[in-house]
Protein backbone atom coordinates (compact mmCIF):
# COMPACT_ATOMS: atom_id res chain seq x y z
CA MET A 1 -33.74 243.20 -5.08
CA ASN A 2 -32.19 245.70 -8.01
CA PRO A 3 -32.51 244.40 -11.48
CA GLY A 4 -28.78 242.15 -12.16
CA GLN A 5 -28.10 241.64 -8.88
CA THR A 6 -27.36 238.13 -7.40
CA THR A 7 -29.28 236.88 -4.81
CA LYS A 8 -26.13 236.12 -1.79
CA GLN A 9 -26.59 237.09 1.12
CA HIS A 10 -23.58 238.53 3.14
CA ARG A 11 -22.45 237.48 6.68
CA THR A 12 -20.59 239.73 8.51
CA TYR A 13 -18.43 238.41 11.60
CA ASP A 14 -18.29 239.07 15.29
CA ALA A 15 -14.79 240.07 15.59
CA VAL A 16 -15.66 240.56 19.78
CA GLY A 17 -13.77 237.58 20.96
CA ILE A 18 -10.54 237.81 18.80
CA TYR A 19 -8.49 239.53 20.99
CA GLU A 20 -9.45 238.92 24.13
CA VAL A 21 -6.71 236.30 26.12
CA PRO A 22 -7.91 234.37 28.79
CA ARG A 23 -7.05 235.39 32.31
CA GLU A 24 -4.41 232.22 32.73
CA TRP A 25 -2.55 233.46 29.68
CA ASP A 26 -2.04 236.80 30.47
CA SER A 27 1.08 237.83 31.14
CA SER A 28 0.73 240.75 32.82
CA THR A 29 -0.74 238.71 35.63
CA SER A 30 0.74 235.51 35.72
CA ARG A 31 4.13 234.56 37.57
CA ALA A 32 7.60 234.67 35.56
CA GLY A 33 10.29 232.00 36.38
CA PHE A 34 10.30 228.49 37.95
CA SER A 35 9.12 227.70 41.42
CA LEU A 36 11.53 226.33 44.31
CA MET A 37 10.35 222.92 43.95
CA GLU A 38 11.19 222.91 39.81
CA LEU A 39 14.47 223.88 40.57
CA LEU A 40 15.48 221.62 43.09
CA ILE A 41 13.86 218.51 40.75
CA VAL A 42 16.18 219.93 37.79
CA MET A 43 19.56 220.37 40.01
CA ILE A 44 18.85 216.71 41.82
CA VAL A 45 18.58 214.96 37.98
CA ILE A 46 21.53 216.72 37.25
CA ALA A 47 23.33 215.57 40.08
CA VAL A 48 22.20 211.67 39.91
CA MET A 49 23.16 212.37 35.87
CA THR A 50 26.67 213.34 36.93
CA GLY A 51 26.96 210.83 39.53
CA ILE A 52 26.40 208.17 37.19
CA ALA A 53 28.40 209.40 34.32
CA SER A 54 31.78 209.85 36.97
CA GLY A 55 31.42 206.65 37.81
CA GLN A 56 31.32 205.01 34.64
CA TYR A 57 34.13 207.75 33.08
CA THR A 58 36.55 206.11 35.98
CA SER A 59 35.44 202.69 35.13
CA TYR A 60 36.32 203.56 31.92
CA ARG A 61 39.95 204.98 32.66
CA ASP A 62 40.35 202.22 35.14
CA ARG A 63 40.50 199.52 31.84
CA THR A 64 42.00 201.47 29.53
CA VAL A 65 45.16 202.89 31.58
CA PRO A 66 47.27 199.90 30.95
CA ASP A 67 46.07 199.42 27.20
CA ARG A 68 46.75 202.92 26.39
CA SER A 69 50.59 202.39 28.19
CA ALA A 70 51.51 199.40 26.51
CA ARG A 71 50.45 201.41 23.00
CA VAL A 72 52.72 204.55 24.34
CA VAL A 73 55.49 202.22 24.94
CA GLY A 74 55.41 200.36 21.44
CA SER A 75 55.15 203.41 19.68
CA TYR A 76 57.88 204.91 21.66
CA VAL A 77 60.29 201.74 20.48
CA SER A 78 59.02 202.78 16.91
CA LEU A 79 59.88 206.13 16.90
CA THR A 80 63.32 205.70 18.50
CA ARG A 81 64.28 203.73 15.37
CA SER A 82 62.75 206.22 13.29
CA TYR A 83 64.97 209.04 15.39
CA ALA A 84 68.06 206.88 14.87
CA ILE A 85 67.22 206.74 10.80
CA GLN A 86 66.41 210.11 10.46
CA ARG A 87 69.61 211.24 12.35
CA ARG A 88 71.94 208.44 10.97
CA SER A 89 73.28 208.00 14.38
CA PRO A 90 72.71 205.55 17.21
CA VAL A 91 69.37 206.14 19.12
CA THR A 92 68.87 204.99 22.76
CA LEU A 93 65.57 203.93 24.06
CA ALA A 94 66.26 203.79 28.08
CA VAL A 95 63.44 202.53 30.41
CA ASP A 96 64.08 203.85 34.01
CA GLU A 97 62.04 201.42 36.10
CA VAL A 98 62.05 203.32 39.61
CA ALA A 99 61.53 206.88 38.09
CA MET A 100 59.00 205.12 35.85
CA SER A 101 60.09 207.29 32.86
CA ILE A 102 61.03 206.12 28.90
CA MET A 103 63.74 208.69 27.71
CA ILE A 104 64.51 208.63 23.92
CA ARG A 105 68.23 209.89 24.09
CA GLY A 106 70.88 210.71 20.98
CA GLU A 107 74.47 210.67 21.22
CA SER A 108 74.08 213.80 22.97
CA ASP A 109 70.76 215.04 24.15
CA THR A 110 67.63 213.55 25.59
CA ILE A 111 64.92 213.70 22.65
CA ARG A 112 62.03 212.95 24.62
CA THR A 113 60.49 211.66 27.62
CA ILE A 114 57.27 210.52 28.87
CA GLN A 115 56.83 210.11 32.87
CA PHE A 116 54.03 206.78 33.75
CA GLY A 117 54.16 207.19 37.39
CA PRO A 118 51.42 208.30 39.49
CA ASP A 119 51.46 211.62 38.65
CA SER A 120 51.03 211.13 35.17
CA ASP A 121 48.21 210.47 32.65
CA PHE A 122 49.52 207.00 32.73
CA GLN A 123 49.21 206.33 36.00
CA LEU A 124 51.20 202.33 35.99
CA SER A 125 51.99 200.48 39.14
CA THR A 126 55.15 198.78 37.13
CA LEU A 127 57.13 199.50 34.21
CA SER A 128 60.18 196.98 33.96
CA THR A 129 62.18 195.13 31.46
CA ASN A 130 63.99 191.91 30.95
CA PHE A 131 66.96 192.52 29.36
CA ALA A 132 70.30 193.36 30.45
CA GLY A 133 70.91 197.55 30.82
CA ASP A 134 67.55 198.84 30.30
CA SER A 135 67.62 200.14 26.93
CA LEU A 136 67.58 199.21 23.71
CA THR A 137 70.18 201.20 20.90
CA PHE A 138 69.08 201.68 17.09
CA ASN A 139 72.08 202.32 15.24
CA ALA A 140 72.25 204.53 12.33
CA ARG A 141 70.72 202.27 9.63
CA GLY A 142 67.48 201.72 12.51
CA LEU A 143 68.90 198.02 13.60
CA CYS A 144 68.28 197.37 16.99
CA THR A 145 71.07 194.43 18.24
CA VAL A 146 69.35 192.96 21.48
CA CYS A 147 65.84 193.43 19.97
CA GLY A 148 65.99 190.50 17.73
CA THR A 149 66.29 188.43 20.11
CA SER A 150 63.39 186.52 21.31
CA GLY A 151 61.80 186.89 24.50
CA LYS A 152 62.92 190.88 25.14
CA ALA A 153 60.32 192.90 26.42
CA ILE A 154 59.03 195.78 28.22
CA THR A 155 56.14 194.98 31.15
CA VAL A 156 53.69 197.47 31.82
CA ALA A 157 50.84 196.60 35.07
CA SER A 158 48.01 198.62 36.38
CA ARG A 159 45.46 197.87 38.40
CA GLY A 160 45.48 194.25 37.80
CA THR A 161 46.08 194.52 34.21
CA THR A 162 49.43 193.26 32.72
CA TYR A 163 50.83 193.70 29.56
CA LEU A 164 53.81 192.73 27.31
CA VAL A 165 54.82 194.93 24.58
CA THR A 166 57.53 192.64 22.54
CA PHE A 167 59.26 193.79 19.83
CA ASN A 168 61.93 192.95 16.99
CA ALA A 169 64.98 194.37 15.21
CA LEU A 170 63.14 196.36 13.18
CA GLY A 171 60.95 198.42 15.97
CA ARG A 172 57.80 196.61 15.14
CA TRP A 173 56.16 196.20 18.25
CA LYS A 174 53.13 193.89 19.52
CA LYS A 175 51.27 194.00 23.08
CA THR A 176 50.16 191.02 24.66
CA LEU A 177 47.87 190.45 27.62
CA GLN A 178 49.38 188.66 30.54
């Protein structure tokens, strides 16, 4: 020991094993990708989940079609009144039970049309009215002469569910499950 030096022992670490990679981790010798069995299992899981989701979606759609259709019919009643006020002229809501459609018509033109038949988003089995003429007319002030009387309604039915859409002279509507 030299004078003034401390008595620390210096260790040296052997670095021989640091850069050695175990053989099973070595990418040059291992295979890349997935086996056929792994891919088949993943495909089967995806197919089963898709089948379950598809069934659930179909069930959901079947339950909601009549409800959505009743809401659209009610909205069209309100929209007809709005067009009458906006245009300051009579506007008619015409229900065509045979063609399964509803039209909003002005004095000289058709403003809007919506289909409710089997080829539309709203696949109804029944679209009917219980008032004479199958149409409602809102005057320039937004009042409907036949709407205020009780019992006036549009019936919407699909997949065993029936809704009755009733409305008043100011175009306010309400749907009730039958």
